[in-house]
C-alpha atoms as a PDB file:
ATOM      1  CA  MET A   1     -15.690  10.580 -24.785  1.00  0.00           C
ATOM      2  CA  PRO A   2     -15.232  14.317 -25.457  1.00  0.00           C
ATOM      3  CA  GLU A   3     -11.766  15.780 -25.909  1.00  0.00           C
ATOM      4  CA  ILE A   4     -10.674  17.544 -22.738  1.00  0.00           C
ATOM      5  CA  GLN A   5      -7.665  19.821 -22.651  1.00  0.00           C
ATOM      6  CA  PHE A   6      -5.903  22.307 -20.423  1.00  0.00           C
ATOM      7  CA  VAL A   7      -6.788  20.687 -17.131  1.00  0.00           C
ATOM      8  CA  HIS A   8      -4.178  20.145 -14.445  1.00  0.00           C
ATOM      9  CA  PHE A   9      -4.657  17.582 -11.689  1.00  0.00           C
ATOM     10  CA  GLU A  10      -4.595  20.224  -8.963  1.00  0.00           C
ATOM     11  CA  ASP A  11      -7.484  22.016 -10.701  1.00  0.00           C
ATOM     12  CA  VAL A  12      -9.708  19.004 -11.326  1.00  0.00           C
ATOM     13  CA  GLU A  13     -12.652  17.913  -9.226  1.00  0.00           C
ATOM     14  CA  PRO A  14     -14.124  15.427 -11.691  1.00  0.00           C
ATOM     15  CA  TRP A  15     -17.540  15.027 -10.129  1.00  0.00           C
ATOM     16  CA  SER A  16     -18.282  18.758 -10.326  1.00  0.00           C
ATOM     17  CA  VAL A  17     -16.061  20.141 -13.094  1.00  0.00           C
ATOM     18  CA  LEU A  18     -16.214  17.154 -15.423  1.00  0.00           C
ATOM     19  CA  PRO A  19     -19.673  15.590 -15.065  1.00  0.00           C
ATOM     20  CA  GLN A  20     -19.327  13.840 -18.435  1.00  0.00           C
ATOM     21  CA  LEU A  21     -16.632  11.625 -16.863  1.00  0.00           C
ATOM     22  CA  HIS A  22     -18.765  10.580 -13.894  1.00  0.00           C
ATOM     23  CA  GLY A  23     -18.357   6.885 -13.140  1.00  0.00           C
ATOM     24  CA  GLN A  24     -14.674   6.612 -13.997  1.00  0.00           C
ATOM     25  CA  ARG A  25     -12.045   6.149 -11.339  1.00  0.00           C
ATOM     26  CA  ARG A  26     -10.726   9.471 -10.083  1.00  0.00           C
ATOM     27  CA  ALA A  27      -7.035   8.759 -10.722  1.00  0.00           C
ATOM     28  CA  SER A  28      -7.648   7.569 -14.280  1.00  0.00           C
ATOM     29  CA  VAL A  29      -9.667  10.708 -14.937  1.00  0.00           C
ATOM     30  CA  HIS A  30      -6.801  12.895 -13.762  1.00  0.00           C
ATOM     31  CA  LEU A  31      -4.215  10.933 -15.706  1.00  0.00           C
ATOM     32  CA  HIS A  32      -6.332  10.983 -18.876  1.00  0.00           C
ATOM     33  CA  VAL A  33      -6.819  14.713 -18.591  1.00  0.00           C
ATOM     34  CA  LEU A  34      -3.218  15.497 -17.759  1.00  0.00           C
ATOM     35  CA  GLU A  35      -1.724  13.575 -20.612  1.00  0.00           C
ATOM     36  CA  ARG A  36      -3.874  15.562 -23.068  1.00  0.00           C
ATOM     37  CA  SER A  37      -2.876  18.971 -21.714  1.00  0.00           C
ATOM     38  CA  ASP A  38      -0.439  20.923 -23.869  1.00  0.00           C
ATOM     39  CA  GLU A  39      -1.052  24.301 -22.283  1.00  0.00           C
ATOM     40  CA  PRO A  40       2.157  26.329 -21.964  1.00  0.00           C
ATOM     41  CA  GLY A  41       3.331  26.609 -18.383  1.00  0.00           C
ATOM     42  CA  ARG A  42       1.585  23.415 -17.270  1.00  0.00           C
ATOM     43  CA  THR A  43       3.513  20.342 -16.205  1.00  0.00           C
ATOM     44  CA  ARG A  44       2.404  17.042 -17.668  1.00  0.00           C
ATOM     45  CA  PHE A  45       1.772  14.399 -15.035  1.00  0.00           C
ATOM     46  CA  SER A  46       4.453  12.149 -16.494  1.00  0.00           C
ATOM     47  CA  ASP A  47       6.986  14.976 -15.963  1.00  0.00           C
ATOM     48  CA  LYS A  48       6.237  15.237 -12.234  1.00  0.00           C
ATOM     49  CA  ALA A  49       8.810  13.907  -9.773  1.00  0.00           C
ATOM     50  CA  PRO A  50       8.304  10.208  -8.939  1.00  0.00           C
ATOM     51  CA  ASN A  51       7.483  10.957  -5.302  1.00  0.00           C
ATOM     52  CA  GLU A  52       4.692  13.354  -6.367  1.00  0.00           C
ATOM     53  CA  ARG A  53       3.303  10.774  -8.814  1.00  0.00           C
ATOM     54  CA  ALA A  54       3.464   8.060  -6.136  1.00  0.00           C
ATOM     55  CA  GLU A  55       1.702  10.209  -3.540  1.00  0.00           C
ATOM     56  CA  PHE A  56      -0.988  11.194  -6.046  1.00  0.00           C
ATOM     57  CA  ALA A  57      -1.571   7.558  -7.067  1.00  0.00           C
ATOM     58  CA  LEU A  58      -1.539   6.169  -3.514  1.00  0.00           C
ATOM     59  CA  GLU A  59      -4.073   8.758  -2.338  1.00  0.00           C
ATOM     60  CA  ARG A  60      -6.426   7.729  -5.119  1.00  0.00           C
ATOM     61  CA  GLY A  61      -5.895   3.966  -4.971  1.00  0.00           C
ATOM     62  CA  ASN A  62      -4.427   3.765  -8.471  1.00  0.00           C
ATOM     63  CA  TRP A  63      -2.138   0.801  -7.764  1.00  0.00           C
ATOM     64  CA  LYS A  64      -0.657   0.464 -11.260  1.00  0.00           C
ATOM     65  CA  LEU A  65       0.331   4.113 -11.408  1.00  0.00           C
ATOM     66  CA  ALA A  66       1.698   3.902  -7.855  1.00  0.00           C
ATOM     67  CA  THR A  67       3.752   0.833  -8.790  1.00  0.00           C
ATOM     68  CA  ALA A  68       5.383   2.650 -11.695  1.00  0.00           C
ATOM     69  CA  ALA A  69       6.125   5.752  -9.616  1.00  0.00           C
ATOM     70  CA  LEU A  70       7.579   3.750  -6.716  1.00  0.00           C
ATOM     71  CA  GLN A  71       9.766   1.770  -9.114  1.00  0.00           C
ATOM     72  CA  ASP A  72      11.037   5.088 -10.507  1.00  0.00           C
ATOM     73  CA  MET A  73      11.793   6.243  -6.966  1.00  0.00           C
ATOM     74  CA  LEU A  74      13.787   3.083  -6.321  1.00  0.00           C
ATOM     75  CA  GLU A  75      15.754   3.624  -9.532  1.00  0.00           C
ATOM     76  CA  GLU A  76      16.786   7.009  -8.108  1.00  0.00           C
ATOM     77  CA  ASP A  77      17.568   5.633  -4.624  1.00  0.00           C
ATOM     78  CA  GLN A  78      17.871   1.872  -4.321  1.00  0.00           C
ATOM     79  CA  PHE A  79      18.093   2.108  -0.506  1.00  0.00           C
ATOM     80  CA  ASP A  80      14.794   3.947  -0.028  1.00  0.00           C
ATOM     81  CA  ALA A  81      13.144   1.654   2.525  1.00  0.00           C
ATOM     82  CA  ARG A  82       9.895   3.607   2.520  1.00  0.00           C
ATOM     83  CA  SER A  83       9.512   3.098  -1.237  1.00  0.00           C
ATOM     84  CA  MET A  84      10.388  -0.589  -0.849  1.00  0.00           C
ATOM     85  CA  TYR A  85       7.687  -1.006   1.782  1.00  0.00           C
ATOM     86  CA  TYR A  86       5.020   0.867  -0.180  1.00  0.00           C
ATOM     87  CA  LEU A  87       5.925  -0.968  -3.391  1.00  0.00           C
ATOM     88  CA  GLY A  88       5.384  -4.253  -1.539  1.00  0.00           C
ATOM     89  CA  TRP A  89       2.077  -2.957  -0.193  1.00  0.00           C
ATOM     90  CA  VAL A  90       0.888  -1.770  -3.628  1.00  0.00           C
ATOM     91  CA  LEU A  91       1.879  -5.084  -5.225  1.00  0.00           C
ATOM     92  CA  LEU A  92      -0.022  -6.904  -2.465  1.00  0.00           C
ATOM     93  CA  LYS A  93      -3.098  -4.797  -3.304  1.00  0.00           C
ATOM     94  CA  GLN A  94      -2.780  -6.095  -6.874  1.00  0.00           C
ATOM     95  CA  ASP A  95      -2.478  -9.733  -5.700  1.00  0.00           C
ATOM     96  CA  ARG A  96       1.093  -9.875  -7.014  1.00  0.00           C
ATOM     97  CA  HIS A  97       2.189 -11.854  -3.960  1.00  0.00           C
ATOM     98  CA  ASP A  98       5.619 -13.109  -4.997  1.00  0.00           C
ATOM     99  CA  GLU A  99       6.777  -9.643  -6.050  1.00  0.00           C
ATOM    100  CA  ALA A 100       5.322  -8.105  -2.884  1.00  0.00           C
ATOM    101  CA  MET A 101       7.205 -10.643  -0.747  1.00  0.00           C
ATOM    102  CA  GLU A 102      10.478  -9.655  -2.401  1.00  0.00           C
ATOM    103  CA  TRP A 103       9.989  -5.959  -1.606  1.00  0.00           C
ATOM    104  CA  PHE A 104       8.802  -6.539   1.958  1.00  0.00           C
ATOM    105  CA  ARG A 105      11.897  -8.657   2.592  1.00  0.00           C
ATOM    106  CA  LYS A 106      14.144  -5.903   1.225  1.00  0.00           C
ATOM    107  CA  ALA A 107      12.392  -3.291   3.394  1.00  0.00           C
ATOM    108  CA  MET A 108      12.858  -5.504   6.463  1.00  0.00           C
ATOM    109  CA  ASP A 109      16.545  -4.624   6.421  1.00  0.00           C
ATOM    110  CA  PHE A 110      15.454  -1.256   7.811  1.00  0.00           C
ATOM    111  CA  TYR A 111      14.093  -1.413  11.368  1.00  0.00           C
ATOM    112  CA  ASN A 112      11.200   1.052  11.030  1.00  0.00           C
ATOM    113  CA  TYR A 113       9.374  -1.154   8.556  1.00  0.00           C
ATOM    114  CA  GLN A 114      10.039  -4.552  10.131  1.00  0.00           C
ATOM    115  CA  PRO A 115       6.802  -5.158  12.081  1.00  0.00           C
ATOM    116  CA  ALA A 116       4.548  -4.150   9.182  1.00  0.00           C
ATOM    117  CA  CYS A 117       6.634  -6.161   6.718  1.00  0.00           C
ATOM    118  CA  HIS A 118       6.327  -9.286   8.876  1.00  0.00           C
ATOM    119  CA  TYR A 119       2.564  -8.711   9.094  1.00  0.00           C
ATOM    120  CA  HIS A 120       2.151  -8.356   5.322  1.00  0.00           C
ATOM    121  CA  LEU A 121       4.354 -11.397   4.725  1.00  0.00           C
ATOM    122  CA  ALA A 122       2.080 -13.313   7.122  1.00  0.00           C
ATOM    123  CA  CYS A 123      -0.926 -12.215   5.043  1.00  0.00           C
ATOM    124  CA  ILE A 124       0.727 -13.405   1.833  1.00  0.00           C
ATOM    125  CA  HIS A 125       1.716 -16.778   3.327  1.00  0.00           C
ATOM    126  CA  ALA A 126      -1.812 -17.242   4.687  1.00  0.00           C
ATOM    127  CA  VAL A 127      -3.371 -16.483   1.296  1.00  0.00           C
ATOM    128  CA  LYS A 128      -0.998 -19.016  -0.266  1.00  0.00           C
ATOM    129  CA  ASN A 129      -2.106 -21.498   2.450  1.00  0.00           C
ATOM    130  CA  GLU A 130       1.432 -21.692   3.854  1.00  0.00           C
ATOM    131  CA  LYS A 131       0.185 -21.903   7.433  1.00  0.00           C
ATOM    132  CA  GLU A 132       3.434 -22.436   9.330  1.00  0.00           C
ATOM    133  CA  ALA A 133       5.177 -19.576   7.534  1.00  0.00           C
ATOM    134  CA  ALA A 134       2.130 -17.321   8.050  1.00  0.00           C
ATOM    135  CA  LEU A 135       2.021 -18.026  11.775  1.00  0.00           C
ATOM    136  CA  ALA A 136       5.788 -17.518  12.127  1.00  0.00           C
ATOM    137  CA  GLN A 137       5.679 -14.161  10.329  1.00  0.00           C
ATOM    138  CA  LEU A 138       2.643 -13.062  12.332  1.00  0.00           C
ATOM    139  CA  LYS A 139       4.383 -13.994  15.579  1.00  0.00           C
ATOM    140  CA  SER A 140       7.460 -12.017  14.501  1.00  0.00           C
ATOM    141  CA  ALA A 141       5.300  -8.967  13.732  1.00  0.00           C
ATOM    142  CA  LEU A 142       3.562  -9.169  17.102  1.00  0.00           C
ATOM    143  CA  ASP A 143       6.837  -9.748  18.959  1.00  0.00           C
ATOM    144  CA  LEU A 144       8.024  -6.457  17.448  1.00  0.00           C
ATOM    145  CA  GLY A 145       4.913  -4.684  18.776  1.00  0.00           C
ATOM    146  CA  PHE A 146       2.681  -4.748  15.696  1.00  0.00           C
ATOM    147  CA  ARG A 147      -1.051  -4.266  16.157  1.00  0.00           C
ATOM    148  CA  THR A 148      -4.002  -3.598  13.864  1.00  0.00           C
ATOM    149  CA  ARG A 149      -6.928  -1.280  14.489  1.00  0.00           C
ATOM    150  CA  ARG A 150      -9.573  -4.005  14.395  1.00  0.00           C
ATOM    151  CA  GLY A 151      -7.538  -7.014  15.427  1.00  0.00           C
ATOM    152  CA  ILE A 152      -5.924  -9.800  13.463  1.00  0.00           C
ATOM    153  CA  ALA A 153      -9.050 -11.930  13.779  1.00  0.00           C
ATOM    154  CA  SER A 154     -10.819  -9.506  11.409  1.00  0.00           C
ATOM    155  CA  THR A 155      -8.092  -9.776   8.749  1.00  0.00           C
ATOM    156  CA  LYS A 156      -9.662 -11.652   5.856  1.00  0.00           C
ATOM    157  CA  GLN A 157      -6.290 -12.937   4.614  1.00  0.00           C
ATOM    158  CA  PHE A 158      -5.966 -14.979   7.816  1.00  0.00           C
ATOM    159  CA  GLU A 159      -9.001 -17.173   7.122  1.00  0.00           C
ATOM    160  CA  SER A 160      -6.725 -20.154   6.426  1.00  0.00           C
ATOM    161  CA  ILE A 161      -5.002 -19.920   9.837  1.00  0.00           C
ATOM    162  CA  LYS A 162      -7.789 -18.771  12.178  1.00  0.00           C
ATOM    163  CA  ASP A 163      -8.585 -22.349  13.199  1.00  0.00           C
ATOM    164  CA  GLU A 164      -4.971 -23.188  13.980  1.00  0.00           C
ATOM    165  CA  ALA A 165      -4.149 -23.704  17.670  1.00  0.00           C
ATOM    166  CA  GLU A 166      -1.285 -21.175  17.448  1.00  0.00           C
ATOM    167  CA  PHE A 167      -3.578 -18.370  16.239  1.00  0.00           C
ATOM    168  CA  ARG A 168      -5.531 -17.758  19.477  1.00  0.00           C
ATOM    169  CA  PRO A 169      -2.409 -16.902  21.554  1.00  0.00           C
ATOM    170  CA  LEU A 170      -1.374 -14.498  18.790  1.00  0.00           C
ATOM    171  CA  MET A 171      -4.731 -12.726  19.114  1.00  0.00           C
ATOM    172  CA  ARG A 172      -4.095 -12.303  22.840  1.00  0.00           C
ATOM    173  CA  GLN A 173      -0.580 -11.042  22.166  1.00  0.00           C
ATOM    174  CA  GLU A 174      -1.919  -8.423  19.755  1.00  0.00           C
ATOM    175  CA  GLU A 175      -4.489  -7.302  22.329  1.00  0.00           C
ATOM    176  CA  ALA A 176      -1.650  -6.898  24.853  1.00  0.00           C
ATOM    177  CA  ASN A 177       0.272  -4.806  22.282  1.00  0.00           C
ATOM    178  CA  ARG A 178      -2.762  -2.539  21.869  1.00  0.00           C
ATOM    179  CA  GLU A 179      -3.158  -2.178  25.647  1.00  0.00           C
ATOM    180  CA  ARG A 180       0.534  -1.276  26.016  1.00  0.00           C
ATOM    181  CA  LYS A 181       0.129   1.368  23.319  1.00  0.00           C
ATOM    182  CA  LYS A 182      -2.946   2.804  25.067  1.00  0.00           C
ATOM    183  CA  GLY A 183      -0.974   2.977  28.330  1.00  0.00           C
ATOM    184  CA  ARG A 184       1.774   5.005  26.667  1.00  0.00           C
ATOM    185  CA  ARG A 185      -0.701   7.585  25.323  1.00  0.00           C
ATOM    186  CA  ARG A 186      -2.126   8.414  28.758  1.00  0.00           C
END
């Protein structure tokens, strides 16, 4: 791979500016380039504020980089519920279920994140084939008004509980949540 210097992530469009890197993940391209830049007046990526690094990584689907940035954010503010929630979500994306559960539970102490946290905990329990816990968490999420865009029946993590008798009423409850939301928008 050729040496590349003096490129800042705000200036890079790898598919047009850096055709020799075509095929690599966008976030890794940016990170690789940034860490090699020693141009005066430029900020290295690792020197950016944790929230900027987290936003950059989340937008590009770089879960490992997002994990590190979110952990840095939580070191600065241990009560940052938004970071707790997104750290759980990023860990879930990496199939690090036990760690994700811990962060979703911490974020649940803050009301705004409760429905989504219950939903993600239901996904984790379903993947682990813990059917009763999955159904209980899903019911809690729906009781708090949670709804998905495509419906819980399309959630691949729920394959282990779709045939359970308790699942069908939960599908109807989610549909009712969506209808209530539509009614409020009118």
